[in-house]
């Protein structure tokens, strides 16, 4: 039974890394289309892309920077993440630092560490639960990034997924790629 659990843990760590990479890719692609509107706020209680980038980065550095301490590190000033004094280059540098911190910490984990206790704001989690918590949190904010970037681009938006009306062609292409070479009509 233990071998099965180790294999499941390895699979989980590979899968969750892939999902974090996918979220980063979506966010980066969306942010790349919204240069002119990076600091734009839709309404008085809304966040700009810049704020979301700063907030996610602060969260990643805090949560993943020291898995042995409380995930809400003493050096993090969460409230300051919602006030922008930095330029885009500075924010994107901290964005990259956040993701690097996440991937470095995630890559150091083993199947056995998934049941270790991780504390976030005084609440105990298994590492597996803490990873899932962060994955859902980041997906929530990446969705906001994509929504805002798409809103700002309007008709100039370059889709990050299957274009509207393109599902049948996409599915057919996937089917064709799965067919063994040499199969099909002559």
N, C-alpha and C. Protein backbone atom coordinates (compact mmCIF):
# COMPACT_ATOMS: atom_id res chain seq x y z
N UNK A 1 0.82 -1.19 0.00
CA UNK A 1 0.00 0.00 0.00
C UNK A 1 0.87 1.26 0.00
N UNK A 2 1.97 1.24 0.73
CA UNK A 2 2.84 2.42 0.82
C UNK A 2 3.36 2.83 -0.54
N UNK A 3 3.73 1.90 -1.39
CA UNK A 3 4.21 2.22 -2.73
C UNK A 3 3.16 2.96 -3.55
N UNK A 4 1.93 2.53 -3.41
CA UNK A 4 0.82 3.17 -4.11
C UNK A 4 0.67 4.62 -3.66
N UNK A 5 0.80 4.87 -2.34
CA UNK A 5 0.67 6.21 -1.80
C UNK A 5 1.81 7.11 -2.28
N UNK A 6 3.00 6.59 -2.37
CA UNK A 6 4.14 7.37 -2.86
C UNK A 6 3.91 7.76 -4.31
N UNK A 7 3.45 6.81 -5.12
CA UNK A 7 3.17 7.11 -6.52
C UNK A 7 2.07 8.16 -6.65
N UNK A 8 1.05 8.06 -5.83
CA UNK A 8 -0.02 9.05 -5.85
C UNK A 8 0.53 10.42 -5.46
N UNK A 9 1.37 10.47 -4.44
CA UNK A 9 1.98 11.74 -4.02
C UNK A 9 2.84 12.35 -5.10
N UNK A 10 3.63 11.51 -5.79
CA UNK A 10 4.46 12.00 -6.91
C UNK A 10 3.56 12.57 -8.00
N UNK A 11 2.52 11.84 -8.33
CA UNK A 11 1.59 12.30 -9.37
C UNK A 11 0.95 13.63 -8.96
N UNK A 12 0.52 13.72 -7.71
CA UNK A 12 -0.10 14.96 -7.23
C UNK A 12 0.87 16.13 -7.36
N UNK A 13 2.10 15.97 -6.91
CA UNK A 13 3.08 17.06 -6.97
C UNK A 13 3.37 17.48 -8.41
N UNK A 14 3.46 16.52 -9.31
CA UNK A 14 3.67 16.84 -10.73
C UNK A 14 2.46 17.58 -11.29
N UNK A 15 1.27 17.09 -10.96
CA UNK A 15 0.04 17.69 -11.47
C UNK A 15 -0.15 19.10 -10.94
N UNK A 16 0.04 19.30 -9.65
CA UNK A 16 -0.20 20.62 -9.08
C UNK A 16 0.85 21.62 -9.59
N UNK A 17 2.07 21.17 -9.83
CA UNK A 17 3.09 22.06 -10.42
C UNK A 17 2.64 22.48 -11.81
N UNK A 18 2.14 21.54 -12.57
CA UNK A 18 1.65 21.83 -13.92
C UNK A 18 0.49 22.84 -13.87
N UNK A 19 -0.37 22.71 -12.90
CA UNK A 19 -1.51 23.64 -12.77
C UNK A 19 -1.06 25.04 -12.36
N UNK A 20 -0.08 25.13 -11.47
CA UNK A 20 0.46 26.45 -11.13
C UNK A 20 1.13 27.07 -12.36
N UNK A 21 1.90 26.27 -13.11
CA UNK A 21 2.52 26.78 -14.33
C UNK A 21 1.48 27.28 -15.33
N UNK A 22 0.39 26.55 -15.45
CA UNK A 22 -0.68 26.94 -16.36
C UNK A 22 -1.30 28.27 -15.92
N UNK A 23 -1.53 28.43 -14.62
CA UNK A 23 -2.08 29.69 -14.12
C UNK A 23 -1.12 30.85 -14.40
N UNK A 24 0.16 30.63 -14.16
CA UNK A 24 1.14 31.68 -14.44
C UNK A 24 1.14 32.03 -15.92
N UNK A 25 1.08 31.01 -16.77
CA UNK A 25 1.06 31.26 -18.21
C UNK A 25 -0.16 32.07 -18.64
N UNK A 26 -1.32 31.73 -18.10
CA UNK A 26 -2.54 32.49 -18.41
C UNK A 26 -2.41 33.94 -17.97
N UNK A 27 -1.94 34.12 -16.73
CA UNK A 27 -1.80 35.48 -16.21
C UNK A 27 -0.78 36.27 -17.02
N UNK A 28 0.36 35.67 -17.31
CA UNK A 28 1.39 36.37 -18.09
C UNK A 28 0.88 36.76 -19.48
N UNK A 29 0.15 35.85 -20.12
CA UNK A 29 -0.39 36.14 -21.45
C UNK A 29 -1.42 37.26 -21.40
N UNK A 30 -2.25 37.25 -20.37
CA UNK A 30 -3.24 38.32 -20.22
C UNK A 30 -2.57 39.64 -19.90
N UNK A 31 -1.63 39.63 -18.98
CA UNK A 31 -0.92 40.86 -18.62
C UNK A 31 -0.17 41.44 -19.81
N UNK A 32 0.33 40.57 -20.67
CA UNK A 32 1.03 41.02 -21.87
C UNK A 32 0.14 41.76 -22.85
N UNK A 33 -1.17 41.58 -22.73
CA UNK A 33 -2.11 42.27 -23.61
C UNK A 33 -2.67 43.54 -22.98
N UNK A 34 -2.25 43.86 -21.77
CA UNK A 34 -2.88 44.97 -21.05
C UNK A 34 -1.88 46.01 -20.56
N UNK A 35 -0.82 46.24 -21.31
CA UNK A 35 0.20 47.21 -20.89
C UNK A 35 -0.39 48.57 -20.56
N UNK A 36 -1.20 49.11 -21.45
CA UNK A 36 -1.72 50.46 -21.29
C UNK A 36 -2.67 50.59 -20.10
N UNK A 37 -3.27 49.50 -19.70
CA UNK A 37 -4.29 49.54 -18.63
C UNK A 37 -3.84 48.87 -17.34
N UNK A 38 -2.56 48.66 -17.18
CA UNK A 38 -2.03 47.93 -16.03
C UNK A 38 -2.45 48.57 -14.70
N UNK A 39 -2.53 49.88 -14.67
CA UNK A 39 -2.86 50.60 -13.43
C UNK A 39 -4.30 51.08 -13.39
N UNK A 40 -5.09 50.77 -14.40
CA UNK A 40 -6.47 51.25 -14.49
C UNK A 40 -7.36 50.53 -13.48
N UNK A 41 -8.22 51.31 -12.82
CA UNK A 41 -9.18 50.79 -11.86
C UNK A 41 -10.57 51.07 -12.42
N UNK A 42 -11.42 50.05 -12.46
CA UNK A 42 -12.77 50.23 -13.01
C UNK A 42 -13.68 51.03 -12.09
N UNK A 43 -13.52 50.86 -10.79
CA UNK A 43 -14.38 51.55 -9.83
C UNK A 43 -13.65 51.78 -8.53
N UNK A 44 -14.22 52.56 -7.63
CA UNK A 44 -13.52 52.94 -6.40
C UNK A 44 -13.15 51.78 -5.48
N UNK A 45 -13.87 50.70 -5.52
CA UNK A 45 -13.55 49.54 -4.66
C UNK A 45 -12.92 48.39 -5.43
N UNK A 46 -12.55 48.64 -6.69
CA UNK A 46 -11.97 47.60 -7.53
C UNK A 46 -10.46 47.63 -7.49
N UNK A 47 -9.85 46.52 -7.87
CA UNK A 47 -8.40 46.42 -7.94
C UNK A 47 -7.93 46.51 -9.38
N UNK A 48 -6.82 47.17 -9.58
CA UNK A 48 -6.17 47.20 -10.90
C UNK A 48 -5.39 45.91 -11.09
N UNK A 49 -4.94 45.70 -12.30
CA UNK A 49 -4.05 44.57 -12.56
C UNK A 49 -2.80 44.69 -11.69
N UNK A 50 -2.30 45.90 -11.54
CA UNK A 50 -1.11 46.13 -10.73
C UNK A 50 -1.32 45.67 -9.29
N UNK A 51 -2.48 45.99 -8.72
CA UNK A 51 -2.78 45.59 -7.35
C UNK A 51 -2.86 44.07 -7.24
N UNK A 52 -3.51 43.43 -8.18
CA UNK A 52 -3.63 41.97 -8.13
C UNK A 52 -2.26 41.32 -8.23
N UNK A 53 -1.42 41.84 -9.11
CA UNK A 53 -0.05 41.32 -9.25
C UNK A 53 0.71 41.47 -7.94
N UNK A 54 0.61 42.65 -7.33
CA UNK A 54 1.33 42.90 -6.07
C UNK A 54 0.80 42.02 -4.94
N UNK A 55 -0.51 41.88 -4.87
CA UNK A 55 -1.12 41.06 -3.82
C UNK A 55 -0.73 39.58 -3.98
N UNK A 56 -0.86 39.05 -5.18
CA UNK A 56 -0.49 37.64 -5.39
C UNK A 56 0.98 37.40 -5.08
N UNK A 57 1.82 38.33 -5.50
CA UNK A 57 3.26 38.19 -5.25
C UNK A 57 3.55 38.18 -3.76
N UNK A 58 2.93 39.10 -3.02
CA UNK A 58 3.12 39.14 -1.58
C UNK A 58 2.65 37.86 -0.92
N UNK A 59 1.53 37.34 -1.39
CA UNK A 59 1.01 36.08 -0.86
C UNK A 59 1.98 34.94 -1.12
N UNK A 60 2.47 34.84 -2.35
CA UNK A 60 3.38 33.74 -2.70
C UNK A 60 4.66 33.78 -1.87
N UNK A 61 5.22 34.96 -1.75
CA UNK A 61 6.48 35.09 -1.01
C UNK A 61 6.26 34.74 0.46
N UNK A 62 5.14 35.17 1.02
CA UNK A 62 4.83 34.89 2.41
C UNK A 62 4.53 33.41 2.64
N UNK A 63 3.65 32.85 1.82
CA UNK A 63 3.21 31.46 2.02
C UNK A 63 4.30 30.45 1.72
N UNK A 64 5.04 30.68 0.64
CA UNK A 64 5.99 29.68 0.18
C UNK A 64 7.42 29.94 0.64
N UNK A 65 7.67 31.13 1.18
CA UNK A 65 9.03 31.50 1.57
C UNK A 65 9.55 30.74 2.78
N UNK A 66 8.63 30.30 3.64
CA UNK A 66 9.03 29.55 4.83
C UNK A 66 7.88 28.64 5.24
N UNK A 67 7.86 27.45 4.72
CA UNK A 67 6.78 26.51 5.02
C UNK A 67 6.81 26.02 6.46
N UNK A 68 7.89 26.25 7.17
CA UNK A 68 8.00 25.79 8.56
C UNK A 68 7.40 26.81 9.53
N UNK A 69 7.29 28.06 9.11
CA UNK A 69 6.71 29.09 9.97
C UNK A 69 5.25 29.29 9.62
N UNK A 70 4.67 30.35 10.15
CA UNK A 70 3.29 30.66 9.80
C UNK A 70 3.30 31.27 8.40
N UNK A 71 2.40 30.84 7.57
CA UNK A 71 2.33 31.32 6.20
C UNK A 71 2.05 32.80 6.08
N UNK A 72 1.62 33.42 7.15
CA UNK A 72 1.44 34.87 7.17
C UNK A 72 2.68 35.44 7.84
N UNK A 73 3.75 35.62 7.08
CA UNK A 73 5.04 36.00 7.65
C UNK A 73 4.99 37.39 8.27
N UNK A 74 5.87 37.60 9.23
CA UNK A 74 5.94 38.88 9.92
C UNK A 74 6.38 40.00 9.00
N UNK A 75 7.08 39.67 7.93
CA UNK A 75 7.58 40.70 7.00
C UNK A 75 6.52 41.12 5.99
N UNK A 76 5.43 40.39 5.90
CA UNK A 76 4.39 40.72 4.93
C UNK A 76 3.48 41.82 5.48
N UNK A 77 3.24 42.82 4.65
CA UNK A 77 2.27 43.86 4.97
C UNK A 77 1.16 43.75 3.93
N UNK A 78 0.20 42.88 4.19
CA UNK A 78 -0.86 42.59 3.23
C UNK A 78 -1.61 43.86 2.81
N UNK A 79 -1.90 44.73 3.76
CA UNK A 79 -2.64 45.94 3.42
C UNK A 79 -1.89 46.83 2.43
N UNK A 80 -0.56 46.84 2.53
CA UNK A 80 0.25 47.64 1.60
C UNK A 80 0.22 47.08 0.18
N UNK A 81 -0.18 45.81 0.03
CA UNK A 81 -0.26 45.22 -1.31
C UNK A 81 -1.36 45.87 -2.15
N UNK A 82 -2.25 46.60 -1.52
CA UNK A 82 -3.37 47.21 -2.23
C UNK A 82 -3.13 48.70 -2.48
N UNK A 83 -1.90 49.14 -2.24
CA UNK A 83 -1.50 50.53 -2.51
C UNK A 83 -0.29 50.45 -3.43
N UNK A 84 -0.38 51.12 -4.56
CA UNK A 84 0.68 51.03 -5.56
C UNK A 84 1.55 52.28 -5.56
N UNK A 85 2.86 52.05 -5.34
CA UNK A 85 3.86 53.10 -5.47
C UNK A 85 4.90 52.70 -6.51
N UNK A 86 4.88 51.46 -6.92
CA UNK A 86 5.89 50.91 -7.83
C UNK A 86 5.48 51.14 -9.28
N UNK A 87 6.49 51.06 -10.16
CA UNK A 87 6.16 51.08 -11.59
C UNK A 87 5.96 49.64 -12.06
N UNK A 88 5.55 49.50 -13.30
CA UNK A 88 5.24 48.17 -13.83
C UNK A 88 6.43 47.22 -13.75
N UNK A 89 7.62 47.71 -14.12
CA UNK A 89 8.80 46.84 -14.09
C UNK A 89 9.09 46.32 -12.68
N UNK A 90 8.94 47.18 -11.68
CA UNK A 90 9.17 46.75 -10.30
C UNK A 90 8.14 45.71 -9.88
N UNK A 91 6.89 45.93 -10.26
CA UNK A 91 5.83 44.97 -9.90
C UNK A 91 6.03 43.64 -10.62
N UNK A 92 6.45 43.68 -11.87
CA UNK A 92 6.66 42.43 -12.59
C UNK A 92 7.88 41.69 -12.06
N UNK A 93 8.85 42.41 -11.53
CA UNK A 93 10.01 41.75 -10.92
C UNK A 93 9.59 41.00 -9.64
N UNK A 94 8.74 41.63 -8.83
CA UNK A 94 8.27 40.96 -7.61
C UNK A 94 7.32 39.81 -7.98
N UNK A 95 6.57 39.96 -9.07
CA UNK A 95 5.71 38.89 -9.60
C UNK A 95 6.56 37.66 -9.90
N UNK A 96 7.65 37.85 -10.62
CA UNK A 96 8.54 36.73 -10.95
C UNK A 96 9.16 36.13 -9.69
N UNK A 97 9.53 36.99 -8.75
CA UNK A 97 10.09 36.51 -7.48
C UNK A 97 9.08 35.66 -6.73
N UNK A 98 7.82 36.06 -6.74
CA UNK A 98 6.77 35.27 -6.08
C UNK A 98 6.65 33.89 -6.68
N UNK A 99 6.58 33.83 -8.01
CA UNK A 99 6.46 32.53 -8.67
C UNK A 99 7.71 31.67 -8.45
N UNK A 100 8.89 32.30 -8.49
CA UNK A 100 10.12 31.55 -8.23
C UNK A 100 10.12 30.97 -6.82
N UNK A 101 9.63 31.75 -5.86
CA UNK A 101 9.55 31.28 -4.47
C UNK A 101 8.61 30.08 -4.39
N UNK A 102 7.46 30.17 -5.05
CA UNK A 102 6.50 29.07 -5.06
C UNK A 102 7.12 27.81 -5.65
N UNK A 103 7.69 27.93 -6.86
CA UNK A 103 8.20 26.72 -7.53
C UNK A 103 9.41 26.13 -6.81
N UNK A 104 10.24 26.96 -6.23
CA UNK A 104 11.39 26.43 -5.46
C UNK A 104 10.88 25.62 -4.27
N UNK A 105 9.91 26.15 -3.55
CA UNK A 105 9.36 25.44 -2.38
C UNK A 105 8.62 24.18 -2.81
N UNK A 106 7.82 24.28 -3.86
CA UNK A 106 7.06 23.13 -4.33
C UNK A 106 7.99 22.01 -4.81
N UNK A 107 9.04 22.39 -5.54
CA UNK A 107 9.97 21.40 -6.07
C UNK A 107 10.76 20.69 -4.97
N UNK A 108 10.83 21.29 -3.79
CA UNK A 108 11.55 20.67 -2.67
C UNK A 108 10.70 19.65 -1.92
N UNK A 109 9.43 19.54 -2.28
CA UNK A 109 8.52 18.65 -1.55
C UNK A 109 8.61 17.22 -2.08
N UNK A 110 8.27 16.28 -1.20
CA UNK A 110 8.24 14.86 -1.55
C UNK A 110 6.86 14.33 -1.20
N UNK A 111 6.52 13.16 -1.71
CA UNK A 111 5.23 12.57 -1.32
C UNK A 111 5.05 12.48 0.20
N UNK A 112 6.13 12.17 0.91
CA UNK A 112 6.03 12.07 2.37
C UNK A 112 5.73 13.41 3.03
N UNK A 113 6.17 14.50 2.44
CA UNK A 113 5.95 15.81 3.07
C UNK A 113 4.51 16.31 2.91
N UNK A 114 3.71 15.67 2.07
CA UNK A 114 2.34 16.12 1.84
C UNK A 114 1.47 16.04 3.08
N UNK A 115 1.87 15.22 4.05
CA UNK A 115 1.10 15.13 5.29
C UNK A 115 1.72 15.96 6.41
N UNK A 116 2.82 16.67 6.12
CA UNK A 116 3.41 17.57 7.12
C UNK A 116 2.40 18.66 7.48
N UNK A 117 2.55 19.21 8.66
CA UNK A 117 1.68 20.30 9.09
C UNK A 117 2.26 21.64 8.67
N UNK A 118 1.42 22.45 8.03
CA UNK A 118 1.76 23.80 7.61
C UNK A 118 0.74 24.72 8.27
N UNK A 119 1.22 25.83 8.80
CA UNK A 119 0.33 26.77 9.48
C UNK A 119 0.14 28.01 8.63
N UNK A 120 -1.09 28.43 8.49
CA UNK A 120 -1.43 29.67 7.80
C UNK A 120 -2.35 30.47 8.71
N UNK A 121 -1.86 31.64 9.12
CA UNK A 121 -2.61 32.50 10.04
C UNK A 121 -3.06 31.74 11.29
N UNK A 122 -2.16 30.93 11.82
CA UNK A 122 -2.44 30.20 13.05
C UNK A 122 -3.27 28.94 12.87
N UNK A 123 -3.69 28.64 11.66
CA UNK A 123 -4.52 27.46 11.40
C UNK A 123 -3.67 26.36 10.77
N UNK A 124 -3.73 25.17 11.37
CA UNK A 124 -2.94 24.03 10.88
C UNK A 124 -3.61 23.40 9.66
N UNK A 125 -2.78 23.07 8.67
CA UNK A 125 -3.21 22.37 7.45
C UNK A 125 -2.18 21.28 7.16
N UNK A 126 -2.59 20.24 6.47
CA UNK A 126 -1.57 19.38 5.87
C UNK A 126 -0.96 20.20 4.73
N UNK A 127 0.25 19.85 4.33
CA UNK A 127 0.85 20.55 3.19
C UNK A 127 -0.05 20.40 1.96
N UNK A 128 -0.62 19.22 1.77
CA UNK A 128 -1.51 18.99 0.63
C UNK A 128 -2.68 19.98 0.67
N UNK A 129 -3.30 20.16 1.82
CA UNK A 129 -4.41 21.10 1.95
C UNK A 129 -3.95 22.54 1.73
N UNK A 130 -2.77 22.88 2.22
CA UNK A 130 -2.24 24.24 2.03
C UNK A 130 -1.97 24.50 0.54
N UNK A 131 -1.44 23.50 -0.16
CA UNK A 131 -1.20 23.65 -1.60
C UNK A 131 -2.53 23.88 -2.32
N UNK A 132 -3.53 23.07 -1.99
CA UNK A 132 -4.85 23.23 -2.63
C UNK A 132 -5.45 24.59 -2.32
N UNK A 133 -5.26 25.06 -1.09
CA UNK A 133 -5.75 26.39 -0.71
C UNK A 133 -5.11 27.46 -1.60
N UNK A 134 -3.81 27.37 -1.78
CA UNK A 134 -3.11 28.37 -2.60
C UNK A 134 -3.49 28.24 -4.07
N UNK A 135 -3.63 27.04 -4.55
CA UNK A 135 -4.01 26.84 -5.95
C UNK A 135 -5.36 27.49 -6.24
N UNK A 136 -6.32 27.31 -5.36
CA UNK A 136 -7.64 27.91 -5.60
C UNK A 136 -7.58 29.42 -5.44
N UNK A 137 -6.79 29.92 -4.51
CA UNK A 137 -6.64 31.37 -4.33
C UNK A 137 -6.03 32.00 -5.58
N UNK A 138 -4.99 31.38 -6.11
CA UNK A 138 -4.33 31.94 -7.29
C UNK A 138 -5.22 31.84 -8.52
N UNK A 139 -5.97 30.76 -8.63
CA UNK A 139 -6.90 30.63 -9.77
C UNK A 139 -7.95 31.74 -9.73
N UNK A 140 -8.43 32.05 -8.56
CA UNK A 140 -9.41 33.13 -8.38
C UNK A 140 -8.84 34.45 -8.92
N UNK A 141 -7.63 34.78 -8.51
CA UNK A 141 -7.03 36.04 -8.93
C UNK A 141 -6.57 36.03 -10.39
N UNK A 142 -6.11 34.90 -10.88
CA UNK A 142 -5.74 34.83 -12.29
C UNK A 142 -7.00 35.03 -13.15
N UNK A 143 -8.13 34.49 -12.70
CA UNK A 143 -9.39 34.75 -13.40
C UNK A 143 -9.70 36.24 -13.45
N UNK A 144 -9.43 36.95 -12.36
CA UNK A 144 -9.63 38.40 -12.36
C UNK A 144 -8.69 39.08 -13.35
N UNK A 145 -7.45 38.65 -13.39
CA UNK A 145 -6.47 39.23 -14.31
C UNK A 145 -6.94 39.04 -15.75
N UNK A 146 -7.36 37.83 -16.08
CA UNK A 146 -7.82 37.56 -17.45
C UNK A 146 -9.06 38.39 -17.76
N UNK A 147 -10.00 38.44 -16.84
CA UNK A 147 -11.22 39.22 -17.06
C UNK A 147 -10.89 40.69 -17.32
N UNK A 148 -10.06 41.27 -16.47
CA UNK A 148 -9.74 42.69 -16.65
C UNK A 148 -8.98 42.94 -17.95
N UNK A 149 -8.00 42.12 -18.24
CA UNK A 149 -7.23 42.31 -19.48
C UNK A 149 -8.13 42.18 -20.70
N UNK A 150 -9.03 41.21 -20.67
CA UNK A 150 -9.97 41.03 -21.79
C UNK A 150 -10.90 42.23 -21.89
N UNK A 151 -11.37 42.72 -20.78
CA UNK A 151 -12.24 43.90 -20.77
C UNK A 151 -11.51 45.10 -21.40
N UNK A 152 -10.27 45.32 -20.99
CA UNK A 152 -9.52 46.47 -21.50
C UNK A 152 -9.22 46.34 -22.99
N UNK A 153 -8.97 45.14 -23.46
CA UNK A 153 -8.61 44.93 -24.87
C UNK A 153 -9.82 44.96 -25.80
N UNK A 154 -10.97 44.59 -25.28
CA UNK A 154 -12.18 44.58 -26.12
C UNK A 154 -12.00 43.68 -27.34
N UNK A 155 -12.32 44.21 -28.50
CA UNK A 155 -12.24 43.41 -29.73
C UNK A 155 -10.82 43.04 -30.11
N UNK A 156 -9.83 43.72 -29.57
CA UNK A 156 -8.43 43.41 -29.88
C UNK A 156 -7.89 42.23 -29.06
N UNK A 157 -8.71 41.73 -28.14
CA UNK A 157 -8.29 40.61 -27.28
C UNK A 157 -7.92 39.40 -28.10
N UNK A 158 -6.78 38.81 -27.79
CA UNK A 158 -6.36 37.55 -28.39
C UNK A 158 -6.66 36.46 -27.39
N UNK A 159 -7.58 35.58 -27.74
CA UNK A 159 -8.06 34.57 -26.80
C UNK A 159 -6.92 33.70 -26.25
N UNK A 160 -7.09 33.28 -25.03
CA UNK A 160 -6.12 32.42 -24.36
C UNK A 160 -6.60 30.98 -24.33
N UNK A 161 -7.75 30.73 -24.91
CA UNK A 161 -8.30 29.38 -24.93
C UNK A 161 -8.94 29.15 -26.30
N UNK A 162 -9.87 28.25 -26.36
CA UNK A 162 -10.56 27.93 -27.62
C UNK A 162 -11.42 29.13 -28.00
N UNK A 163 -11.26 29.67 -29.21
CA UNK A 163 -12.08 30.81 -29.60
C UNK A 163 -13.55 30.43 -29.71
N UNK A 164 -14.41 31.41 -29.48
CA UNK A 164 -15.85 31.16 -29.64
C UNK A 164 -16.11 30.60 -31.03
N UNK A 165 -16.96 29.60 -31.06
CA UNK A 165 -17.30 28.97 -32.33
C UNK A 165 -16.23 28.02 -32.84
N UNK A 166 -15.16 27.82 -32.07
CA UNK A 166 -14.06 26.99 -32.53
C UNK A 166 -13.93 25.64 -31.86
N UNK A 167 -14.92 25.25 -31.08
CA UNK A 167 -14.82 23.99 -30.33
C UNK A 167 -14.73 22.77 -31.24
N UNK A 168 -15.56 22.72 -32.28
CA UNK A 168 -15.56 21.55 -33.16
C UNK A 168 -14.20 21.39 -33.85
N UNK A 169 -13.65 22.49 -34.36
CA UNK A 169 -12.35 22.43 -35.03
C UNK A 169 -11.25 22.03 -34.04
N UNK A 170 -11.31 22.56 -32.83
CA UNK A 170 -10.33 22.23 -31.80
C UNK A 170 -10.40 20.74 -31.46
N UNK A 171 -11.61 20.23 -31.25
CA UNK A 171 -11.79 18.82 -30.92
C UNK A 171 -11.31 17.92 -32.06
N UNK A 172 -11.59 18.32 -33.29
CA UNK A 172 -11.15 17.53 -34.44
C UNK A 172 -9.63 17.50 -34.52
N UNK A 173 -9.01 18.63 -34.30
CA UNK A 173 -7.54 18.70 -34.33
C UNK A 173 -6.93 17.80 -33.26
N UNK A 174 -7.51 17.82 -32.06
CA UNK A 174 -7.02 16.96 -30.98
C UNK A 174 -7.17 15.49 -31.36
N UNK A 175 -8.30 15.14 -31.98
CA UNK A 175 -8.55 13.77 -32.41
C UNK A 175 -7.54 13.36 -33.46
N UNK A 176 -7.25 14.22 -34.40
CA UNK A 176 -6.28 13.92 -35.46
C UNK A 176 -4.88 13.69 -34.89
N UNK A 177 -4.51 14.47 -33.90
CA UNK A 177 -3.19 14.33 -33.29
C UNK A 177 -3.05 13.02 -32.53
N UNK A 178 -4.15 12.45 -32.06
CA UNK A 178 -4.11 11.19 -31.30
C UNK A 178 -4.08 9.97 -32.19
N UNK A 179 -4.46 10.14 -33.45
CA UNK A 179 -4.46 8.98 -34.36
C UNK A 179 -3.02 8.53 -34.61
N UNK A 180 -2.80 7.22 -34.62
CA UNK A 180 -1.46 6.70 -34.95
C UNK A 180 -1.10 7.07 -36.37
N UNK A 181 0.17 7.34 -36.58
CA UNK A 181 0.65 7.67 -37.93
C UNK A 181 0.37 6.52 -38.88
N UNK A 182 -0.04 6.85 -40.07
CA UNK A 182 -0.33 5.83 -41.07
C UNK A 182 -1.76 5.35 -41.04
N UNK A 183 -2.56 5.79 -40.06
CA UNK A 183 -3.98 5.37 -40.05
C UNK A 183 -4.78 6.35 -40.86
N UNK A 184 -5.93 5.97 -41.24
CA UNK A 184 -6.80 6.85 -42.00
C UNK A 184 -6.92 6.39 -43.43
N UNK A 185 -7.72 7.09 -44.19
CA UNK A 185 -7.99 6.73 -45.59
C UNK A 185 -6.79 7.03 -46.45
N UNK A 186 -6.61 6.20 -47.49
CA UNK A 186 -5.50 6.40 -48.42
C UNK A 186 -5.93 7.28 -49.56
